Structures are given as structure tokens and as C-alpha cells.
């Protein structure tokens, strides 16, 4: 018994050349598109633009979160702000109080 192999479809040389040319053109177009995308991605100007966009987005998110935290904790933020102001101004306040004390203790002497 001999096994009969299925015959390959009959393709003429002209048809095979046309098909292979079409396939080459398709693959070449696909490669050029990939190269164009790669060049665009690797372009330093575009990389810098994407970096700035990412950093801007992150900065906006952080700012929004900070504002939300401040709104939720407004009394605490106010107390901390006043405390920081008092700490920063303790020298001038202390001098002012000292001047007030000394001016009250120095009364004019009557003759």
C-alpha cells in the first residue's frame, strides 16, 4: 500500500511572485510604522514632554491631597499656624512686654 500525499495547490510562478511582493510590501510598511513609532518615543523632546506631563500630574495630585487634608483638619492647621507664628515672634513679644513692665515701674517722681 502506498500512501497518497495531498497535492499542494497549484500556484504559478507569476502568482507566487505577486504574493511574495505583496507580503514584502506589507511587512516593509509594518516595519516602517514600527520604526516611526520608535523614533517618536525615543525622541528626546518627546521624552522630556512626557516626563513633564507625569511630574505635573503627580504635583497636581499631591496638591489636591494636601488641600483636602488641610480642609479636613482646618482647626488643627490653624492652631499649628498660630503656634508657629508665636514661636517666631517670641523675641519681639518678649521685648514689648519688658518695655511695658519697665514703663509702669518708672513713675515720675514728684517734687
PDB file of N, CA and C in Angstrom:
ATOM      1  N   UNK A   1       0.803  -1.165   0.000  1.00  0.00           N
ATOM      2  CA  UNK A   1       0.000   0.000   0.000  1.00  0.00           C
ATOM      3  C   UNK A   1       0.859   1.246   0.000  1.00  0.00           C
ATOM      4  N   UNK A   2       0.544   2.053  -0.860  1.00  0.00           N
ATOM      5  CA  UNK A   2       1.282   3.298  -0.895  1.00  0.00           C
ATOM      6  C   UNK A   2       0.372   4.425  -0.404  1.00  0.00           C
ATOM      7  N   UNK A   3       0.978   5.336   0.333  1.00  0.00           N
ATOM      8  CA  UNK A   3       0.224   6.461   0.877  1.00  0.00           C
ATOM      9  C   UNK A   3       0.239   7.587  -0.145  1.00  0.00           C
ATOM     10  N   UNK A   4      -0.913   8.113  -0.364  1.00  0.00           N
ATOM     11  CA  UNK A   4      -1.008   9.211  -1.310  1.00  0.00           C
ATOM     12  C   UNK A   4      -0.990  10.514  -0.515  1.00  0.00           C
ATOM     13  N   UNK A   5      -0.030  11.307  -0.815  1.00  0.00           N
ATOM     14  CA  UNK A   5       0.081  12.607  -0.158  1.00  0.00           C
ATOM     15  C   UNK A   5      -0.805  13.607  -0.885  1.00  0.00           C
ATOM     16  N   UNK A   6      -1.416  14.511  -0.112  1.00  0.00           N
ATOM     17  CA  UNK A   6      -2.229  15.519  -0.795  1.00  0.00           C
ATOM     18  C   UNK A   6      -1.328  16.425  -1.627  1.00  0.00           C
ATOM     19  N   UNK A   7      -1.834  16.770  -2.735  1.00  0.00           N
ATOM     20  CA  UNK A   7      -1.049  17.629  -3.610  1.00  0.00           C
ATOM     21  C   UNK A   7      -1.128  19.068  -3.123  1.00  0.00           C
ATOM     22  N   UNK A   8      -0.041  19.747  -3.311  1.00  0.00           N
ATOM     23  CA  UNK A   8      -0.027  21.172  -2.956  1.00  0.00           C
ATOM     24  C   UNK A   8      -0.844  21.915  -3.989  1.00  0.00           C
ATOM     25  N   UNK A   9      -1.464  23.041  -3.560  1.00  0.00           N
ATOM     26  CA  UNK A   9      -2.235  23.788  -4.542  1.00  0.00           C
ATOM     27  C   UNK A   9      -1.320  24.293  -5.651  1.00  0.00           C
ATOM     28  N   UNK A  10      -1.849  24.295  -6.785  1.00  0.00           N
ATOM     29  CA  UNK A  10      -1.057  24.712  -7.940  1.00  0.00           C
ATOM     30  C   UNK A  10      -0.990  26.231  -7.932  1.00  0.00           C
ATOM     31  N   UNK A  11       0.236  26.718  -7.813  1.00  0.00           N
ATOM     32  CA  UNK A  11       0.461  28.150  -7.841  1.00  0.00           C
ATOM     33  C   UNK A  11       1.490  28.397  -8.931  1.00  0.00           C
ATOM     34  N   UNK A  12       1.144  29.279  -9.798  1.00  0.00           N
ATOM     35  CA  UNK A  12       2.081  29.558 -10.872  1.00  0.00           C
ATOM     36  C   UNK A  12       3.186  30.447 -10.355  1.00  0.00           C
ATOM     37  N   UNK A  13       4.253  30.490 -11.069  1.00  0.00           N
ATOM     38  CA  UNK A  13       5.380  31.329 -10.672  1.00  0.00           C
ATOM     39  C   UNK A  13       4.975  32.796 -10.608  1.00  0.00           C
ATOM     40  N   UNK A  14       4.173  33.239 -11.534  1.00  0.00           N
ATOM     41  CA  UNK A  14       3.743  34.632 -11.559  1.00  0.00           C
ATOM     42  C   UNK A  14       2.930  34.952 -10.305  1.00  0.00           C
ATOM     43  N   UNK A  15       1.997  34.060  -9.938  1.00  0.00           N
ATOM     44  CA  UNK A  15       1.170  34.285  -8.753  1.00  0.00           C
ATOM     45  C   UNK A  15       2.025  34.284  -7.492  1.00  0.00           C
ATOM     46  N   UNK A  16       2.995  33.399  -7.420  1.00  0.00           N
ATOM     47  CA  UNK A  16       3.839  33.347  -6.227  1.00  0.00           C
ATOM     48  C   UNK A  16       4.671  34.610  -6.110  1.00  0.00           C
ATOM     49  N   UNK A  17       5.144  35.129  -7.220  1.00  0.00           N
ATOM     50  CA  UNK A  17       5.919  36.383  -7.189  1.00  0.00           C
ATOM     51  C   UNK A  17       5.021  37.531  -6.737  1.00  0.00           C
ATOM     52  N   UNK A  18       3.809  37.590  -7.250  1.00  0.00           N
ATOM     53  CA  UNK A  18       2.875  38.655  -6.855  1.00  0.00           C
ATOM     54  C   UNK A  18       2.561  38.558  -5.361  1.00  0.00           C
ATOM     55  N   UNK A  19       2.304  37.347  -4.877  1.00  0.00           N
ATOM     56  CA  UNK A  19       2.001  37.155  -3.456  1.00  0.00           C
ATOM     57  C   UNK A  19       3.189  37.514  -2.569  1.00  0.00           C
ATOM     58  N   UNK A  20       4.372  37.088  -2.973  1.00  0.00           N
ATOM     59  CA  UNK A  20       5.545  37.389  -2.151  1.00  0.00           C
ATOM     60  C   UNK A  20       5.841  38.888  -2.169  1.00  0.00           C
ATOM     61  N   UNK A  21       5.636  39.557  -3.304  1.00  0.00           N
ATOM     62  CA  UNK A  21       5.823  41.013  -3.348  1.00  0.00           C
ATOM     63  C   UNK A  21       4.815  41.714  -2.441  1.00  0.00           C
ATOM     64  N   UNK A  22       3.575  41.279  -2.478  1.00  0.00           N
ATOM     65  CA  UNK A  22       2.556  41.876  -1.612  1.00  0.00           C
ATOM     66  C   UNK A  22       2.909  41.663  -0.147  1.00  0.00           C
ATOM     67  N   UNK A  23       3.367  40.467   0.185  1.00  0.00           N
ATOM     68  CA  UNK A  23       3.756  40.181   1.571  1.00  0.00           C
ATOM     69  C   UNK A  23       4.950  41.038   1.986  1.00  0.00           C
ATOM     70  N   UNK A  24       5.935  41.179   1.113  1.00  0.00           N
ATOM     71  CA  UNK A  24       7.106  42.019   1.412  1.00  0.00           C
ATOM     72  C   UNK A  24       6.695  43.468   1.621  1.00  0.00           C
ATOM     73  N   UNK A  25       5.811  43.971   0.735  1.00  0.00           N
ATOM     74  CA  UNK A  25       5.352  45.359   0.882  1.00  0.00           C
ATOM     75  C   UNK A  25       4.616  45.549   2.213  1.00  0.00           C
ATOM     76  N   UNK A  26       3.783  44.586   2.579  1.00  0.00           N
ATOM     77  CA  UNK A  26       3.058  44.655   3.846  1.00  0.00           C
ATOM     78  C   UNK A  26       4.032  44.667   5.026  1.00  0.00           C
ATOM     79  N   UNK A  27       5.008  43.743   4.995  1.00  0.00           N
ATOM     80  CA  UNK A  27       5.976  43.663   6.096  1.00  0.00           C
ATOM     81  C   UNK A  27       6.847  44.917   6.155  1.00  0.00           C
ATOM     82  N   UNK A  28       7.216  45.449   4.990  1.00  0.00           N
ATOM     83  CA  UNK A  28       8.022  46.673   4.951  1.00  0.00           C
ATOM     84  C   UNK A  28       7.224  47.839   5.541  1.00  0.00           C
ATOM     85  N   UNK A  29       5.952  47.965   5.177  1.00  0.00           N
ATOM     86  CA  UNK A  29       5.106  49.030   5.706  1.00  0.00           C
ATOM     87  C   UNK A  29       4.949  48.891   7.225  1.00  0.00           C
ATOM     88  N   UNK A  30       4.772  47.665   7.670  1.00  0.00           N
ATOM     89  CA  UNK A  30       4.646  47.405   9.110  1.00  0.00           C
ATOM     90  C   UNK A  30       5.938  47.785   9.846  1.00  0.00           C
ATOM     91  N   UNK A  31       7.091  47.453   9.256  1.00  0.00           N
ATOM     92  CA  UNK A  31       8.383  47.796   9.854  1.00  0.00           C
ATOM     93  C   UNK A  31       8.573  49.307   9.896  1.00  0.00           C
ATOM     94  N   UNK A  32       8.219  50.002   8.812  1.00  0.00           N
ATOM     95  CA  UNK A  32       8.368  51.462   8.789  1.00  0.00           C
ATOM     96  C   UNK A  32       7.478  52.106   9.837  1.00  0.00           C
ATOM     97  N   UNK A  33       6.262  51.598   9.994  1.00  0.00           N
ATOM     98  CA  UNK A  33       5.381  52.136  11.028  1.00  0.00           C
ATOM     99  C   UNK A  33       5.965  51.922  12.414  1.00  0.00           C
ATOM    100  N   UNK A  34       6.528  50.745  12.641  1.00  0.00           N
ATOM    101  CA  UNK A  34       7.148  50.455  13.945  1.00  0.00           C
ATOM    102  C   UNK A  34       8.342  51.367  14.186  1.00  0.00           C
ATOM    103  N   UNK A  35       9.145  51.589  13.144  1.00  0.00           N
ATOM    104  CA  UNK A  35      10.294  52.482  13.285  1.00  0.00           C
ATOM    105  C   UNK A  35       9.852  53.911  13.562  1.00  0.00           C
ATOM    106  N   UNK A  36       8.786  54.350  12.908  1.00  0.00           N
ATOM    107  CA  UNK A  36       8.290  55.712  13.144  1.00  0.00           C
ATOM    108  C   UNK A  36       7.822  55.875  14.592  1.00  0.00           C
ATOM    109  N   UNK A  37       7.116  54.880  15.081  1.00  0.00           N
ATOM    110  CA  UNK A  37       6.650  54.933  16.478  1.00  0.00           C
ATOM    111  C   UNK A  37       7.849  54.923  17.427  1.00  0.00           C
ATOM    112  N   UNK A  38       8.824  54.088  17.134  1.00  0.00           N
ATOM    113  CA  UNK A  38      10.019  54.007  17.978  1.00  0.00           C
ATOM    114  C   UNK A  38      10.773  55.323  17.978  1.00  0.00           C
ATOM    115  N   UNK A  39      10.942  55.928  16.797  1.00  0.00           N
ATOM    116  CA  UNK A  39      11.631  57.229  16.726  1.00  0.00           C
ATOM    117  C   UNK A  39      10.870  58.279  17.517  1.00  0.00           C
ATOM    118  N   UNK A  40       9.563  58.260  17.421  1.00  0.00           N
ATOM    119  CA  UNK A  40       8.760  59.227  18.155  1.00  0.00           C
ATOM    120  C   UNK A  40       8.915  59.039  19.658  1.00  0.00           C
ATOM    121  N   UNK A  41       8.898  57.796  20.104  1.00  0.00           N
ATOM    122  CA  UNK A  41       9.030  57.510  21.538  1.00  0.00           C
ATOM    123  C   UNK A  41      10.418  57.892  22.042  1.00  0.00           C
ATOM    124  N   UNK A  42      11.447  57.633  21.241  1.00  0.00           N
ATOM    125  CA  UNK A  42      12.818  57.875  21.683  1.00  0.00           C
ATOM    126  C   UNK A  42      13.298  59.300  21.437  1.00  0.00           C
ATOM    127  N   UNK A  43      12.497  60.121  20.794  1.00  0.00           N
ATOM    128  CA  UNK A  43      12.879  61.497  20.546  1.00  0.00           C
ATOM    129  C   UNK A  43      13.038  62.216  21.896  1.00  0.00           C
ATOM    130  N   UNK A  44      14.201  62.830  22.161  1.00  0.00           N
ATOM    131  CA  UNK A  44      14.423  63.468  23.467  1.00  0.00           C
ATOM    132  C   UNK A  44      13.371  64.530  23.801  1.00  0.00           C
ATOM    133  N   UNK A  45      12.925  65.271  22.817  1.00  0.00           N
ATOM    134  CA  UNK A  45      11.908  66.297  23.071  1.00  0.00           C
ATOM    135  C   UNK A  45      10.615  65.656  23.566  1.00  0.00           C
ATOM    136  N   UNK A  46      10.234  64.544  22.947  1.00  0.00           N
ATOM    137  CA  UNK A  46       9.010  63.854  23.362  1.00  0.00           C
ATOM    138  C   UNK A  46       9.178  63.208  24.726  1.00  0.00           C
ATOM    139  N   UNK A  47      10.374  62.676  24.995  1.00  0.00           N
ATOM    140  CA  UNK A  47      10.619  62.090  26.318  1.00  0.00           C
ATOM    141  C   UNK A  47      10.519  63.162  27.391  1.00  0.00           C
ATOM    142  N   UNK A  48      11.091  64.338  27.110  1.00  0.00           N
ATOM    143  CA  UNK A  48      11.034  65.430  28.074  1.00  0.00           C
ATOM    144  C   UNK A  48       9.588  65.874  28.291  1.00  0.00           C
ATOM    145  N   UNK A  49       8.810  65.963  27.215  1.00  0.00           N
ATOM    146  CA  UNK A  49       7.414  66.360  27.324  1.00  0.00           C
ATOM    147  C   UNK A  49       6.631  65.364  28.183  1.00  0.00           C
ATOM    148  N   UNK A  50       6.866  64.057  27.961  1.00  0.00           N
ATOM    149  CA  UNK A  50       6.160  63.043  28.759  1.00  0.00           C
ATOM    150  C   UNK A  50       6.577  63.112  30.227  1.00  0.00           C
ATOM    151  N   UNK A  51       7.868  63.357  30.475  1.00  0.00           N
ATOM    152  CA  UNK A  51       8.346  63.479  31.852  1.00  0.00           C
ATOM    153  C   UNK A  51       7.680  64.662  32.544  1.00  0.00           C
ATOM    154  N   UNK A  52       7.617  65.792  31.858  1.00  0.00           N
ATOM    155  CA  UNK A  52       6.991  66.980  32.443  1.00  0.00           C
ATOM    156  C   UNK A  52       5.513  66.720  32.705  1.00  0.00           C
ATOM    157  N   UNK A  53       4.840  66.048  31.780  1.00  0.00           N
ATOM    158  CA  UNK A  53       3.425  65.731  31.987  1.00  0.00           C
ATOM    159  C   UNK A  53       3.225  64.844  33.207  1.00  0.00           C
ATOM    160  N   UNK A  54       4.097  63.830  33.353  1.00  0.00           N
ATOM    161  CA  UNK A  54       3.977  62.942  34.521  1.00  0.00           C
ATOM    162  C   UNK A  54       4.222  63.708  35.808  1.00  0.00           C
ATOM    163  N   UNK A  55       5.264  64.545  35.827  1.00  0.00           N
ATOM    164  CA  UNK A  55       5.590  65.290  37.042  1.00  0.00           C
ATOM    165  C   UNK A  55       4.483  66.290  37.371  1.00  0.00           C
ATOM    166  N   UNK A  56       3.922  66.927  36.345  1.00  0.00           N
ATOM    167  CA  UNK A  56       2.830  67.874  36.567  1.00  0.00           C
ATOM    168  C   UNK A  56       1.615  67.161  37.143  1.00  0.00           C
ATOM    169  N   UNK A  57       1.316  66.013  36.595  1.00  0.00           N
ATOM    170  CA  UNK A  57       0.178  65.242  37.091  1.00  0.00           C
ATOM    171  C   UNK A  57       0.395  64.843  38.545  1.00  0.00           C
ATOM    172  N   UNK A  58       1.604  64.382  38.863  1.00  0.00           N
ATOM    173  CA  UNK A  58       1.890  63.992  40.249  1.00  0.00           C
ATOM    174  C   UNK A  58       1.819  65.199  41.177  1.00  0.00           C
ATOM    175  N   UNK A  59       2.347  66.341  40.737  1.00  0.00           N
ATOM    176  CA  UNK A  59       2.306  67.546  41.569  1.00  0.00           C
ATOM    177  C   UNK A  59       0.871  67.984  41.822  1.00  0.00           C
ATOM    178  N   UNK A  60       0.024  67.897  40.784  1.00  0.00           N
ATOM    179  CA  UNK A  60      -1.388  68.265  40.964  1.00  0.00           C
ATOM    180  C   UNK A  60      -2.064  67.325  41.944  1.00  0.00           C
ATOM    181  N   UNK A  61      -1.765  66.027  41.852  1.00  0.00           N
ATOM    182  CA  UNK A  61      -2.368  65.067  42.782  1.00  0.00           C
ATOM    183  C   UNK A  61      -1.940  65.360  44.214  1.00  0.00           C
ATOM    184  N   UNK A  62      -0.661  65.644  44.399  1.00  0.00           N
ATOM    185  CA  UNK A  62      -0.156  65.938  45.750  1.00  0.00           C
ATOM    186  C   UNK A  62      -0.794  67.213  46.283  1.00  0.00           C
ATOM    187  N   UNK A  63      -0.906  68.234  45.423  1.00  0.00           N
ATOM    188  CA  UNK A  63      -1.522  69.489  45.850  1.00  0.00           C
ATOM    189  C   UNK A  63      -2.983  69.267  46.219  1.00  0.00           C
ATOM    190  N   UNK A  64      -3.708  68.502  45.419  1.00  0.00           N
ATOM    191  CA  UNK A  64      -5.111  68.217  45.730  1.00  0.00           C
ATOM    192  C   UNK A  64      -5.253  67.473  47.047  1.00  0.00           C
ATOM    193  N   UNK A  65      -4.377  66.488  47.275  1.00  0.00           N
ATOM    194  CA  UNK A  65      -4.419  65.740  48.533  1.00  0.00           C
ATOM    195  C   UNK A  65      -4.110  66.648  49.715  1.00  0.00           C
ATOM    196  N   UNK A  66      -3.134  67.543  49.545  1.00  0.00           N
ATOM    197  CA  UNK A  66      -2.760  68.456  50.624  1.00  0.00           C
ATOM    198  C   UNK A  66      -3.912  69.405  50.957  1.00  0.00           C
ATOM    199  N   UNK A  67      -4.559  69.923  49.918  1.00  0.00           N
ATOM    200  CA  UNK A  67      -5.699  70.816  50.145  1.00  0.00           C
ATOM    201  C   UNK A  67      -6.820  70.068  50.870  1.00  0.00           C
ATOM    202  N   UNK A  68      -7.059  68.848  50.473  1.00  0.00           N
ATOM    203  CA  UNK A  68      -8.116  68.053  51.113  1.00  0.00           C
ATOM    204  C   UNK A  68      -7.790  67.794  52.580  1.00  0.00           C
ATOM    205  N   UNK A  69      -6.536  67.468  52.858  1.00  0.00           N
ATOM    206  CA  UNK A  69      -6.122  67.237  54.249  1.00  0.00           C
ATOM    207  C   UNK A  69      -6.269  68.520  55.054  1.00  0.00           C
ATOM    208  N   UNK A  70      -5.872  69.646  54.462  1.00  0.00           N
ATOM    209  CA  UNK A  70      -5.996  70.929  55.168  1.00  0.00           C
ATOM    210  C   UNK A  70      -7.457  71.265  55.437  1.00  0.00           C
ATOM    211  N   UNK A  71      -8.337  70.991  54.466  1.00  0.00           N
ATOM    212  CA  UNK A  71      -9.765  71.260  54.681  1.00  0.00           C
ATOM    213  C   UNK A  71     -10.329  70.380  55.785  1.00  0.00           C
ATOM    214  N   UNK A  72      -9.926  69.125  55.791  1.00  0.00           N
ATOM    215  CA  UNK A  72     -10.443  68.204  56.804  1.00  0.00           C
ATOM    216  C   UNK A  72      -9.918  68.526  58.191  1.00  0.00           C
ATOM    217  N   UNK A  73      -8.757  69.128  58.280  1.00  0.00           N
ATOM    218  CA  UNK A  73      -8.125  69.403  59.571  1.00  0.00           C
ATOM    219  C   UNK A  73      -7.879  70.893  59.758  1.00  0.00           C
ATOM    220  N   UNK A  74      -8.811  71.730  59.341  1.00  0.00           N
ATOM    221  CA  UNK A  74      -8.632  73.183  59.388  1.00  0.00           C
ATOM    222  C   UNK A  74      -8.336  73.702  60.806  1.00  0.00           C
ATOM    223  N   UNK A  75      -9.039  73.265  61.845  1.00  0.00           N
ATOM    224  CA  UNK A  75      -8.724  73.787  63.180  1.00  0.00           C
ATOM    225  C   UNK A  75      -7.299  73.447  63.618  1.00  0.00           C
ATOM    226  N   UNK A  76      -6.888  72.244  63.335  1.00  0.00           N
ATOM    227  CA  UNK A  76      -5.529  71.834  63.720  1.00  0.00           C
ATOM    228  C   UNK A  76      -4.497  72.654  62.954  1.00  0.00           C
ATOM    229  N   UNK A  77      -4.740  72.845  61.664  1.00  0.00           N
ATOM    230  CA  UNK A  77      -3.813  73.633  60.847  1.00  0.00           C
ATOM    231  C   UNK A  77      -3.747  75.066  61.371  1.00  0.00           C
ATOM    232  N   UNK A  78      -4.902  75.621  61.767  1.00  0.00           N
ATOM    233  CA  UNK A  78      -4.918  76.973  62.314  1.00  0.00           C
ATOM    234  C   UNK A  78      -4.132  77.078  63.608  1.00  0.00           C
ATOM    235  N   UNK A  79      -4.311  76.111  64.492  1.00  0.00           N
ATOM    236  CA  UNK A  79      -3.583  76.114  65.766  1.00  0.00           C
ATOM    237  C   UNK A  79      -2.085  76.000  65.513  1.00  0.00           C
ATOM    238  N   UNK A  80      -1.709  75.131  64.613  1.00  0.00           N
ATOM    239  CA  UNK A  80      -0.286  74.966  64.296  1.00  0.00           C
ATOM    240  C   UNK A  80       0.278  76.251  63.700  1.00  0.00           C
ATOM    241  N   UNK A  81      -0.506  76.909  62.831  1.00  0.00           N
ATOM    242  CA  UNK A  81      -0.051  78.169  62.232  1.00  0.00           C
ATOM    243  C   UNK A  81       0.143  79.255  63.273  1.00  0.00           C
ATOM    244  N   UNK A  82      -0.828  79.393  64.179  1.00  0.00           N
ATOM    245  CA  UNK A  82      -0.717  80.406  65.240  1.00  0.00           C
ATOM    246  C   UNK A  82       0.458  80.081  66.157  1.00  0.00           C
ATOM    247  N   UNK A  83       0.637  78.806  66.463  1.00  0.00           N
ATOM    248  CA  UNK A  83       1.765  78.403  67.321  1.00  0.00           C
ATOM    249  C   UNK A  83       3.088  78.735  66.660  1.00  0.00           C
ATOM    250  N   UNK A  84       3.204  78.443  65.372  1.00  0.00           N
ATOM    251  CA  UNK A  84       4.443  78.757  64.656  1.00  0.00           C
ATOM    252  C   UNK A  84       4.688  80.260  64.634  1.00  0.00           C
ATOM    253  N   UNK A  85       3.621  81.039  64.459  1.00  0.00           N
ATOM    254  CA  UNK A  85       3.761  82.495  64.449  1.00  0.00           C
ATOM    255  C   UNK A  85       4.207  83.009  65.809  1.00  0.00           C
ATOM    256  N   UNK A  86       3.627  82.457  66.881  1.00  0.00           N
ATOM    257  CA  UNK A  86       4.034  82.881  68.227  1.00  0.00           C
ATOM    258  C   UNK A  86       5.483  82.505  68.521  1.00  0.00           C
ATOM    259  N   UNK A  87       5.880  81.333  68.091  1.00  0.00           N
ATOM    260  CA  UNK A  87       7.276  80.919  68.305  1.00  0.00           C
ATOM    261  C   UNK A  87       8.218  81.853  67.549  1.00  0.00           C
ATOM    262  N   UNK A  88       7.846  82.190  66.318  1.00  0.00           N
ATOM    263  CA  UNK A  88       8.702  83.068  65.518  1.00  0.00           C
ATOM    264  C   UNK A  88       8.746  84.485  66.092  1.00  0.00           C
ATOM    265  N   UNK A  89       7.660  84.918  66.706  1.00  0.00           N
ATOM    266  CA  UNK A  89       7.579  86.288  67.211  1.00  0.00           C
ATOM    267  C   UNK A  89       7.871  86.393  68.708  1.00  0.00           C
ATOM    268  N   UNK A  90       8.384  85.336  69.340  1.00  0.00           N
ATOM    269  CA  UNK A  90       8.558  85.389  70.782  1.00  0.00           C
ATOM    270  C   UNK A  90       9.575  86.447  71.214  1.00  0.00           C
ATOM    271  N   UNK A  91      10.588  86.688  70.426  1.00  0.00           N
ATOM    272  CA  UNK A  91      11.577  87.723  70.777  1.00  0.00           C
ATOM    273  C   UNK A  91      10.955  89.104  70.805  1.00  0.00           C
ATOM    274  N   UNK A  92      10.318  89.546  69.720  1.00  0.00           N
ATOM    275  CA  UNK A  92       9.692  90.879  69.745  1.00  0.00           C
ATOM    276  C   UNK A  92       8.583  90.998  70.794  1.00  0.00           C
ATOM    277  N   UNK A  93       7.813  89.948  71.005  1.00  0.00           N
ATOM    278  CA  UNK A  93       6.752  89.987  72.020  1.00  0.00           C
ATOM    279  C   UNK A  93       7.368  90.125  73.408  1.00  0.00           C
ATOM    280  N   UNK A  94       8.434  89.380  73.655  1.00  0.00           N
ATOM    281  CA  UNK A  94       9.107  89.443  74.955  1.00  0.00           C
ATOM    282  C   UNK A  94       9.656  90.852  75.207  1.00  0.00           C
ATOM    283  N   UNK A  95      10.265  91.466  74.204  1.00  0.00           N
ATOM    284  CA  UNK A  95      10.781  92.837  74.370  1.00  0.00           C
ATOM    285  C   UNK A  95       9.645  93.823  74.622  1.00  0.00           C
ATOM    286  N   UNK A  96       8.534  93.658  73.945  1.00  0.00           N
ATOM    287  CA  UNK A  96       7.389  94.548  74.119  1.00  0.00           C
ATOM    288  C   UNK A  96       6.851  94.456  75.552  1.00  0.00           C
ATOM    289  N   UNK A  97       6.753  93.217  76.057  1.00  0.00           N
ATOM    290  CA  UNK A  97       6.269  93.033  77.435  1.00  0.00           C
ATOM    291  C   UNK A  97       7.251  93.636  78.422  1.00  0.00           C
ATOM    292  N   UNK A  98       8.546  93.455  78.186  1.00  0.00           N
ATOM    293  CA  UNK A  98       9.557  94.040  79.087  1.00  0.00           C
ATOM    294  C   UNK A  98       9.445  95.556  79.100  1.00  0.00           C
ATOM    295  N   UNK A  99       9.258  96.179  77.940  1.00  0.00           N
ATOM    296  CA  UNK A  99       9.111  97.638  77.886  1.00  0.00           C
ATOM    297  C   UNK A  99       7.872  98.094  78.646  1.00  0.00           C
ATOM    298  N   UNK A 100       6.790  97.330  78.516  1.00  0.00           N
ATOM    299  CA  UNK A 100       5.580  97.696  79.261  1.00  0.00           C
ATOM    300  C   UNK A 100       5.812  97.633  80.767  1.00  0.00           C
ATOM    301  N   UNK A 101       6.498  96.618  81.220  1.00  0.00           N
ATOM    302  CA  UNK A 101       6.770  96.481  82.659  1.00  0.00           C
ATOM    303  C   UNK A 101       7.643  97.623  83.153  1.00  0.00           C
ATOM    304  N   UNK A 102       8.684  97.925  82.397  1.00  0.00           N
ATOM    305  CA  UNK A 102       9.603  98.980  82.837  1.00  0.00           C
ATOM    306  C   UNK A 102       8.931 100.346  82.788  1.00  0.00           C
ATOM    307  N   UNK A 103       8.046 100.569  81.851  1.00  0.00           N
ATOM    308  CA  UNK A 103       7.388 101.883  81.782  1.00  0.00           C
ATOM    309  C   UNK A 103       6.413 102.055  82.939  1.00  0.00           C
ATOM    310  N   UNK A 104       5.806 101.004  83.433  1.00  0.00           N
ATOM    311  CA  UNK A 104       4.873 101.106  84.556  1.00  0.00           C
ATOM    312  C   UNK A 104       5.620 101.274  85.881  1.00  0.00           C
ATOM    313  N   UNK A 105       6.793 100.692  86.003  1.00  0.00           N
ATOM    314  CA  UNK A 105       7.532 100.809  87.254  1.00  0.00           C
ATOM    315  C   UNK A 105       8.246 102.146  87.340  1.00  0.00           C
ATOM    316  N   UNK A 106       8.510 102.780  86.233  1.00  0.00           N
ATOM    317  CA  UNK A 106       9.159 104.095  86.252  1.00  0.00           C
ATOM    318  C   UNK A 106       8.077 105.156  86.281  1.00  0.00           C
ATOM    319  N   UNK A 107       7.728 105.557  87.465  1.00  0.00           N
ATOM    320  CA  UNK A 107       6.745 106.649  87.605  1.00  0.00           C
ATOM    321  C   UNK A 107       7.491 107.944  87.854  1.00  0.00           C
ATOM    322  N   UNK A 108       6.961 108.991  87.347  1.00  0.00           N
ATOM    323  CA  UNK A 108       7.662 110.270  87.565  1.00  0.00           C
ATOM    324  C   UNK A 108       7.638 110.637  89.073  1.00  0.00           C
ATOM    325  N   UNK A 109       8.735 111.077  89.532  1.00  0.00           N
ATOM    326  CA  UNK A 109       8.821 111.476  90.958  1.00  0.00           C
ATOM    327  C   UNK A 109       8.321 112.901  91.117  1.00  0.00           C
ATOM    328  N   UNK A 110       7.561 113.087  92.132  1.00  0.00           N
ATOM    329  CA  UNK A 110       7.002 114.430  92.345  1.00  0.00           C
ATOM    330  C   UNK A 110       7.931 115.207  93.277  1.00  0.00           C
ATOM    331  N   UNK A 111       8.102 116.491  93.079  1.00  0.00           N
ATOM    332  CA  UNK A 111       8.985 117.327  93.886  1.00  0.00           C
ATOM    333  C   UNK A 111       8.224 118.283  94.689  1.00  0.00           C
TER     334      UNK A 111
END
